[in-house]
Amino acid sequence: MAKKTFETALSRLEQIADELESGDLSLDASLKKFDEGIKLADYCNTKLTEARTKVDILLEKNDTIVEEPFSDLDESDE
């Protein structure tokens, strides 16, 4: 099996969402897909948190750059 990356996990998560939305799966198959999706979402969230931490560290190393915190929601999208 290929090494899991954020991009492959996100792609698989999108595929699972499409499969679940189609409504063609049995209840048992849907539950298995949902479980896989939860695990992938957790993996993606962990990778995003790691990336945010790395960005914060890099910004702290350069005194000329002012750090701006990430926001969970862009207020213009509400």
PDB file of N, CA and C in Angstrom:
ATOM      1  N   MET A   1       0.848  -1.191   0.000  1.00  0.00           N
ATOM      2  CA  MET A   1       0.000   0.000   0.000  1.00  0.00           C
ATOM      3  C   MET A   1       0.883   1.241   0.000  1.00  0.00           C
ATOM      4  N   ALA A   2       0.490   2.244  -0.747  1.00  0.00           N
ATOM      5  CA  ALA A   2       1.256   3.477  -0.837  1.00  0.00           C
ATOM      6  C   ALA A   2       1.200   4.235   0.490  1.00  0.00           C
ATOM      7  N   LYS A   3       2.225   5.029   0.726  1.00  0.00           N
ATOM      8  CA  LYS A   3       2.283   5.832   1.943  1.00  0.00           C
ATOM      9  C   LYS A   3       1.133   6.838   1.955  1.00  0.00           C
ATOM     10  N   LYS A   4       0.464   6.927   3.092  1.00  0.00           N
ATOM     11  CA  LYS A   4      -0.663   7.841   3.215  1.00  0.00           C
ATOM     12  C   LYS A   4      -0.165   9.272   3.334  1.00  0.00           C
ATOM     13  N   THR A   5      -0.719  10.144   2.527  1.00  0.00           N
ATOM     14  CA  THR A   5      -0.422  11.569   2.617  1.00  0.00           C
ATOM     15  C   THR A   5      -1.729  12.303   2.881  1.00  0.00           C
ATOM     16  N   PHE A   6      -1.613  13.566   3.223  1.00  0.00           N
ATOM     17  CA  PHE A   6      -2.805  14.382   3.435  1.00  0.00           C
ATOM     18  C   PHE A   6      -3.674  14.373   2.182  1.00  0.00           C
ATOM     19  N   GLU A   7      -3.016  14.533   1.027  1.00  0.00           N
ATOM     20  CA  GLU A   7      -3.757  14.614  -0.230  1.00  0.00           C
ATOM     21  C   GLU A   7      -4.482  13.308  -0.560  1.00  0.00           C
ATOM     22  N   THR A   8      -3.815  12.165  -0.345  1.00  0.00           N
ATOM     23  CA  THR A   8      -4.480  10.890  -0.640  1.00  0.00           C
ATOM     24  C   THR A   8      -5.612  10.616   0.353  1.00  0.00           C
ATOM     25  N   ALA A   9      -5.399  10.991   1.597  1.00  0.00           N
ATOM     26  CA  ALA A   9      -6.448  10.796   2.606  1.00  0.00           C
ATOM     27  C   ALA A   9      -7.655  11.675   2.300  1.00  0.00           C
ATOM     28  N   LEU A  10      -7.403  12.921   1.903  1.00  0.00           N
ATOM     29  CA  LEU A  10      -8.501  13.832   1.582  1.00  0.00           C
ATOM     30  C   LEU A  10      -9.259  13.354   0.344  1.00  0.00           C
ATOM     31  N   SER A  11      -8.524  12.874  -0.644  1.00  0.00           N
ATOM     32  CA  SER A  11      -9.160  12.345  -1.852  1.00  0.00           C
ATOM     33  C   SER A  11     -10.047  11.149  -1.523  1.00  0.00           C
ATOM     34  N   ARG A  12      -9.553  10.254  -0.685  1.00  0.00           N
ATOM     35  CA  ARG A  12     -10.334   9.079  -0.286  1.00  0.00           C
ATOM     36  C   ARG A  12     -11.554   9.502   0.525  1.00  0.00           C
ATOM     37  N   LEU A  13     -11.389  10.493   1.375  1.00  0.00           N
ATOM     38  CA  LEU A  13     -12.507  11.000   2.171  1.00  0.00           C
ATOM     39  C   LEU A  13     -13.602  11.568   1.266  1.00  0.00           C
ATOM     40  N   GLU A  14     -13.206  12.291   0.230  1.00  0.00           N
ATOM     41  CA  GLU A  14     -14.179  12.823  -0.732  1.00  0.00           C
ATOM     42  C   GLU A  14     -14.895  11.699  -1.468  1.00  0.00           C
ATOM     43  N   GLN A  15     -14.148  10.653  -1.815  1.00  0.00           N
ATOM     44  CA  GLN A  15     -14.739   9.503  -2.490  1.00  0.00           C
ATOM     45  C   GLN A  15     -15.769   8.821  -1.580  1.00  0.00           C
ATOM     46  N   ILE A  16     -15.426   8.665  -0.318  1.00  0.00           N
ATOM     47  CA  ILE A  16     -16.350   8.045   0.639  1.00  0.00           C
ATOM     48  C   ILE A  16     -17.615   8.886   0.786  1.00  0.00           C
ATOM     49  N   ALA A  17     -17.453  10.207   0.857  1.00  0.00           N
ATOM     50  CA  ALA A  17     -18.618  11.087   0.975  1.00  0.00           C
ATOM     51  C   ALA A  17     -19.537  10.920  -0.235  1.00  0.00           C
ATOM     52  N   ASP A  18     -18.953  10.833  -1.425  1.00  0.00           N
ATOM     53  CA  ASP A  18     -19.757  10.630  -2.627  1.00  0.00           C
ATOM     54  C   ASP A  18     -20.498   9.295  -2.575  1.00  0.00           C
ATOM     55  N   GLU A  19     -19.806   8.251  -2.124  1.00  0.00           N
ATOM     56  CA  GLU A  19     -20.427   6.930  -2.035  1.00  0.00           C
ATOM     57  C   GLU A  19     -21.584   6.930  -1.034  1.00  0.00           C
ATOM     58  N   LEU A  20     -21.385   7.593   0.091  1.00  0.00           N
ATOM     59  CA  LEU A  20     -22.437   7.647   1.102  1.00  0.00           C
ATOM     60  C   LEU A  20     -23.625   8.480   0.615  1.00  0.00           C
ATOM     61  N   GLU A  21     -23.331   9.560  -0.095  1.00  0.00           N
ATOM     62  CA  GLU A  21     -24.404  10.418  -0.596  1.00  0.00           C
ATOM     63  C   GLU A  21     -25.228   9.749  -1.687  1.00  0.00           C
ATOM     64  N   SER A  22     -24.634   8.784  -2.387  1.00  0.00           N
ATOM     65  CA  SER A  22     -25.356   8.117  -3.472  1.00  0.00           C
ATOM     66  C   SER A  22     -26.545   7.316  -2.960  1.00  0.00           C
ATOM     67  N   GLY A  23     -26.438   6.826  -1.724  1.00  0.00           N
ATOM     68  CA  GLY A  23     -27.530   6.048  -1.149  1.00  0.00           C
ATOM     69  C   GLY A  23     -27.615   4.631  -1.670  1.00  0.00           C
ATOM     70  N   ASP A  24     -26.620   4.190  -2.431  1.00  0.00           N
ATOM     71  CA  ASP A  24     -26.642   2.853  -3.024  1.00  0.00           C
ATOM     72  C   ASP A  24     -26.053   1.773  -2.120  1.00  0.00           C
ATOM     73  N   LEU A  25     -25.501   2.139  -0.987  1.00  0.00           N
ATOM     74  CA  LEU A  25     -24.833   1.180  -0.106  1.00  0.00           C
ATOM     75  C   LEU A  25     -25.810   0.605   0.914  1.00  0.00           C
ATOM     76  N   SER A  26     -25.541  -0.629   1.337  1.00  0.00           N
ATOM     77  CA  SER A  26     -26.326  -1.225   2.411  1.00  0.00           C
ATOM     78  C   SER A  26     -25.978  -0.514   3.721  1.00  0.00           C
ATOM     79  N   LEU A  27     -26.773  -0.755   4.730  1.00  0.00           N
ATOM     80  CA  LEU A  27     -26.518  -0.135   6.027  1.00  0.00           C
ATOM     81  C   LEU A  27     -25.151  -0.549   6.557  1.00  0.00           C
ATOM     82  N   ASP A  28     -24.828  -1.841   6.461  1.00  0.00           N
ATOM     83  CA  ASP A  28     -23.542  -2.335   6.955  1.00  0.00           C
ATOM     84  C   ASP A  28     -22.377  -1.689   6.191  1.00  0.00           C
ATOM     85  N   ALA A  29     -22.497  -1.632   4.871  1.00  0.00           N
ATOM     86  CA  ALA A  29     -21.441  -1.008   4.061  1.00  0.00           C
ATOM     87  C   ALA A  29     -21.326   0.479   4.373  1.00  0.00           C
ATOM     88  N   SER A  30     -22.454   1.143   4.575  1.00  0.00           N
ATOM     89  CA  SER A  30     -22.446   2.572   4.913  1.00  0.00           C
ATOM     90  C   SER A  30     -21.736   2.822   6.238  1.00  0.00           C
ATOM     91  N   LEU A  31     -21.994   1.961   7.222  1.00  0.00           N
ATOM     92  CA  LEU A  31     -21.346   2.113   8.522  1.00  0.00           C
ATOM     93  C   LEU A  31     -19.837   1.911   8.423  1.00  0.00           C
ATOM     94  N   LYS A  32     -19.408   0.950   7.606  1.00  0.00           N
ATOM     95  CA  LYS A  32     -17.978   0.720   7.406  1.00  0.00           C
ATOM     96  C   LYS A  32     -17.327   1.921   6.721  1.00  0.00           C
ATOM     97  N   LYS A  33     -17.984   2.464   5.713  1.00  0.00           N
ATOM     98  CA  LYS A  33     -17.459   3.648   5.006  1.00  0.00           C
ATOM     99  C   LYS A  33     -17.399   4.843   5.956  1.00  0.00           C
ATOM    100  N   PHE A  34     -18.460   4.994   6.771  1.00  0.00           N
ATOM    101  CA  PHE A  34     -18.501   6.098   7.723  1.00  0.00           C
ATOM    102  C   PHE A  34     -17.346   5.994   8.708  1.00  0.00           C
ATOM    103  N   ASP A  35     -17.100   4.790   9.216  1.00  0.00           N
ATOM    104  CA  ASP A  35     -15.998   4.565  10.151  1.00  0.00           C
ATOM    105  C   ASP A  35     -14.655   4.908   9.497  1.00  0.00           C
ATOM    106  N   GLU A  36     -14.468   4.459   8.265  1.00  0.00           N
ATOM    107  CA  GLU A  36     -13.235   4.786   7.538  1.00  0.00           C
ATOM    108  C   GLU A  36     -13.111   6.300   7.354  1.00  0.00           C
ATOM    109  N   GLY A  37     -14.224   6.950   7.040  1.00  0.00           N
ATOM    110  CA  GLY A  37     -14.218   8.398   6.852  1.00  0.00           C
ATOM    111  C   GLY A  37     -13.844   9.150   8.116  1.00  0.00           C
ATOM    112  N   ILE A  38     -14.337   8.694   9.251  1.00  0.00           N
ATOM    113  CA  ILE A  38     -14.006   9.326  10.532  1.00  0.00           C
ATOM    114  C   ILE A  38     -12.505   9.221  10.789  1.00  0.00           C
ATOM    115  N   LYS A  39     -11.937   8.063  10.528  1.00  0.00           N
ATOM    116  CA  LYS A  39     -10.493   7.870  10.727  1.00  0.00           C
ATOM    117  C   LYS A  39      -9.685   8.767   9.786  1.00  0.00           C
ATOM    118  N   LEU A  40     -10.121   8.875   8.543  1.00  0.00           N
ATOM    119  CA  LEU A  40      -9.428   9.733   7.586  1.00  0.00           C
ATOM    120  C   LEU A  40      -9.538  11.210   7.973  1.00  0.00           C
ATOM    121  N   ALA A  41     -10.719  11.615   8.434  1.00  0.00           N
ATOM    122  CA  ALA A  41     -10.909  13.000   8.858  1.00  0.00           C
ATOM    123  C   ALA A  41     -10.000  13.326  10.039  1.00  0.00           C
ATOM    124  N   ASP A  42      -9.866  12.385  10.967  1.00  0.00           N
ATOM    125  CA  ASP A  42      -8.987  12.574  12.114  1.00  0.00           C
ATOM    126  C   ASP A  42      -7.532  12.694  11.655  1.00  0.00           C
ATOM    127  N   TYR A  43      -7.125  11.848  10.713  1.00  0.00           N
ATOM    128  CA  TYR A  43      -5.768  11.901  10.168  1.00  0.00           C
ATOM    129  C   TYR A  43      -5.512  13.263   9.506  1.00  0.00           C
ATOM    130  N   CYS A  44      -6.456  13.713   8.687  1.00  0.00           N
ATOM    131  CA  CYS A  44      -6.306  15.000   8.004  1.00  0.00           C
ATOM    132  C   CYS A  44      -6.229  16.148   9.014  1.00  0.00           C
ATOM    133  N   ASN A  45      -7.060  16.094  10.031  1.00  0.00           N
ATOM    134  CA  ASN A  45      -7.049  17.132  11.060  1.00  0.00           C
ATOM    135  C   ASN A  45      -5.702  17.169  11.784  1.00  0.00           C
ATOM    136  N   THR A  46      -5.149  15.996  12.073  1.00  0.00           N
ATOM    137  CA  THR A  46      -3.840  15.922  12.724  1.00  0.00           C
ATOM    138  C   THR A  46      -2.766  16.536  11.837  1.00  0.00           C
ATOM    139  N   LYS A  47      -2.792  16.215  10.548  1.00  0.00           N
ATOM    140  CA  LYS A  47      -1.802  16.764   9.612  1.00  0.00           C
ATOM    141  C   LYS A  47      -1.931  18.281   9.503  1.00  0.00           C
ATOM    142  N   LEU A  48      -3.142  18.797   9.498  1.00  0.00           N
ATOM    143  CA  LEU A  48      -3.340  20.252   9.436  1.00  0.00           C
ATOM    144  C   LEU A  48      -2.822  20.929  10.703  1.00  0.00           C
ATOM    145  N   THR A  49      -3.054  20.313  11.846  1.00  0.00           N
ATOM    146  CA  THR A  49      -2.558  20.857  13.111  1.00  0.00           C
ATOM    147  C   THR A  49      -1.033  20.890  13.112  1.00  0.00           C
ATOM    148  N   GLU A  50      -0.409  19.815  12.612  1.00  0.00           N
ATOM    149  CA  GLU A  50       1.051  19.778  12.521  1.00  0.00           C
ATOM    150  C   GLU A  50       1.573  20.884  11.603  1.00  0.00           C
ATOM    151  N   ALA A  51       0.897  21.097  10.480  1.00  0.00           N
ATOM    152  CA  ALA A  51       1.323  22.136   9.544  1.00  0.00           C
ATOM    153  C   ALA A  51       1.195  23.520  10.176  1.00  0.00           C
ATOM    154  N   ARG A  52       0.109  23.760  10.892  1.00  0.00           N
ATOM    155  CA  ARG A  52      -0.067  25.050  11.561  1.00  0.00           C
ATOM    156  C   ARG A  52       1.044  25.289  12.586  1.00  0.00           C
ATOM    157  N   THR A  53       1.400  24.248  13.317  1.00  0.00           N
ATOM    158  CA  THR A  53       2.470  24.358  14.312  1.00  0.00           C
ATOM    159  C   THR A  53       3.787  24.699  13.632  1.00  0.00           C
ATOM    160  N   LYS A  54       4.085  24.045  12.510  1.00  0.00           N
ATOM    161  CA  LYS A  54       5.319  24.334  11.781  1.00  0.00           C
ATOM    162  C   LYS A  54       5.346  25.775  11.285  1.00  0.00           C
ATOM    163  N   VAL A  55       4.220  26.272  10.798  1.00  0.00           N
ATOM    164  CA  VAL A  55       4.150  27.653  10.332  1.00  0.00           C
ATOM    165  C   VAL A  55       4.411  28.604  11.498  1.00  0.00           C
ATOM    166  N   ASP A  56       3.806  28.337  12.630  1.00  0.00           N
ATOM    167  CA  ASP A  56       4.023  29.175  13.814  1.00  0.00           C
ATOM    168  C   ASP A  56       5.492  29.195  14.212  1.00  0.00           C
ATOM    169  N   ILE A  57       6.147  28.037  14.183  1.00  0.00           N
ATOM    170  CA  ILE A  57       7.563  27.953  14.556  1.00  0.00           C
ATOM    171  C   ILE A  57       8.410  28.751  13.573  1.00  0.00           C
ATOM    172  N   LEU A  58       8.138  28.604  12.286  1.00  0.00           N
ATOM    173  CA  LEU A  58       8.895  29.341  11.278  1.00  0.00           C
ATOM    174  C   LEU A  58       8.718  30.848  11.432  1.00  0.00           C
ATOM    175  N   LEU A  59       7.510  31.263  11.749  1.00  0.00           N
ATOM    176  CA  LEU A  59       7.267  32.692  11.930  1.00  0.00           C
ATOM    177  C   LEU A  59       7.977  33.225  13.165  1.00  0.00           C
ATOM    178  N   GLU A  60       8.076  32.425  14.200  1.00  0.00           N
ATOM    179  CA  GLU A  60       8.759  32.854  15.421  1.00  0.00           C
ATOM    180  C   GLU A  60      10.258  33.016  15.196  1.00  0.00           C
ATOM    181  N   LYS A  61      10.827  32.283  14.247  1.00  0.00           N
ATOM    182  CA  LYS A  61      12.258  32.359  13.980  1.00  0.00           C
ATOM    183  C   LYS A  61      12.650  33.635  13.242  1.00  0.00           C
ATOM    184  N   ASN A  62      11.709  34.274  12.603  1.00  0.00           N
ATOM    185  CA  ASN A  62      11.996  35.480  11.851  1.00  0.00           C
ATOM    186  C   ASN A  62      11.292  36.653  12.522  1.00  0.00           C
ATOM    187  N   ASP A  63      12.072  37.479  13.207  1.00  0.00           N
ATOM    188  CA  ASP A  63      11.498  38.579  13.996  1.00  0.00           C
ATOM    189  C   ASP A  63      10.814  39.643  13.150  1.00  0.00           C
ATOM    190  N   THR A  64      11.074  39.677  11.861  1.00  0.00           N
ATOM    191  CA  THR A  64      10.470  40.712  11.028  1.00  0.00           C
ATOM    192  C   THR A  64       9.067  40.353  10.554  1.00  0.00           C
ATOM    193  N   ILE A  65       8.677  39.107  10.733  1.00  0.00           N
ATOM    194  CA  ILE A  65       7.349  38.689  10.306  1.00  0.00           C
ATOM    195  C   ILE A  65       6.418  38.688  11.513  1.00  0.00           C
ATOM    196  N   VAL A  66       5.270  39.290  11.347  1.00  0.00           N
ATOM    197  CA  VAL A  66       4.285  39.336  12.419  1.00  0.00           C
ATOM    198  C   VAL A  66       3.330  38.161  12.239  1.00  0.00           C
ATOM    199  N   GLU A  67       3.186  37.378  13.279  1.00  0.00           N
ATOM    200  CA  GLU A  67       2.322  36.209  13.226  1.00  0.00           C
ATOM    201  C   GLU A  67       0.868  36.621  13.339  1.00  0.00           C
ATOM    202  N   GLU A  68       0.052  36.064  12.462  1.00  0.00           N
ATOM    203  CA  GLU A  68      -1.385  36.255  12.537  1.00  0.00           C
ATOM    204  C   GLU A  68      -2.000  34.890  12.782  1.00  0.00           C
ATOM    205  N   PRO A  69      -2.829  34.751  13.805  1.00  0.00           N
ATOM    206  CA  PRO A  69      -3.387  33.435  14.121  1.00  0.00           C
ATOM    207  C   PRO A  69      -4.319  32.947  13.021  1.00  0.00           C
ATOM    208  N   PHE A  70      -4.354  31.634  12.849  1.00  0.00           N
ATOM    209  CA  PHE A  70      -5.313  31.043  11.923  1.00  0.00           C
ATOM    210  C   PHE A  70      -6.692  31.187  12.533  1.00  0.00           C
ATOM    211  N   SER A  71      -7.696  31.451  11.702  1.00  0.00           N
ATOM    212  CA  SER A  71      -9.056  31.476  12.221  1.00  0.00           C
ATOM    213  C   SER A  71      -9.785  30.268  11.654  1.00  0.00           C
ATOM    214  N   ASP A  72     -10.667  29.686  12.447  1.00  0.00           N
ATOM    215  CA  ASP A  72     -11.397  28.513  12.014  1.00  0.00           C
ATOM    216  C   ASP A  72     -12.424  28.846  10.929  1.00  0.00           C
ATOM    217  N   LEU A  73     -12.972  30.051  10.982  1.00  0.00           N
ATOM    218  CA  LEU A  73     -13.948  30.473   9.993  1.00  0.00           C
ATOM    219  C   LEU A  73     -13.554  31.836   9.457  1.00  0.00           C
ATOM    220  N   ASP A  74     -13.660  31.980   8.165  1.00  0.00           N
ATOM    221  CA  ASP A  74     -13.468  33.288   7.552  1.00  0.00           C
ATOM    222  C   ASP A  74     -14.788  34.036   7.723  1.00  0.00           C
ATOM    223  N   GLU A  75     -14.747  35.161   8.402  1.00  0.00           N
ATOM    224  CA  GLU A  75     -15.987  35.877   8.718  1.00  0.00           C
ATOM    225  C   GLU A  75     -16.739  36.299   7.471  1.00  0.00           C
ATOM    226  N   SER A  76     -16.051  36.470   6.347  1.00  0.00           N
ATOM    227  CA  SER A  76     -16.727  36.865   5.121  1.00  0.00           C
ATOM    228  C   SER A  76     -17.548  35.735   4.537  1.00  0.00           C
ATOM    229  N   ASP A  77     -17.305  34.484   4.956  1.00  0.00           N
ATOM    230  CA  ASP A  77     -18.024  33.328   4.434  1.00  0.00           C
ATOM    231  C   ASP A  77     -19.318  33.046   5.180  1.00  0.00           C
ATOM    232  N   GLU A  78     -19.569  33.726   6.268  1.00  0.00           N
ATOM    233  CA  GLU A  78     -20.764  33.430   7.077  1.00  0.00           C
ATOM    234  C   GLU A  78     -22.012  33.939   6.436  1.00  0.00           C
TER     235      GLU A  78
END
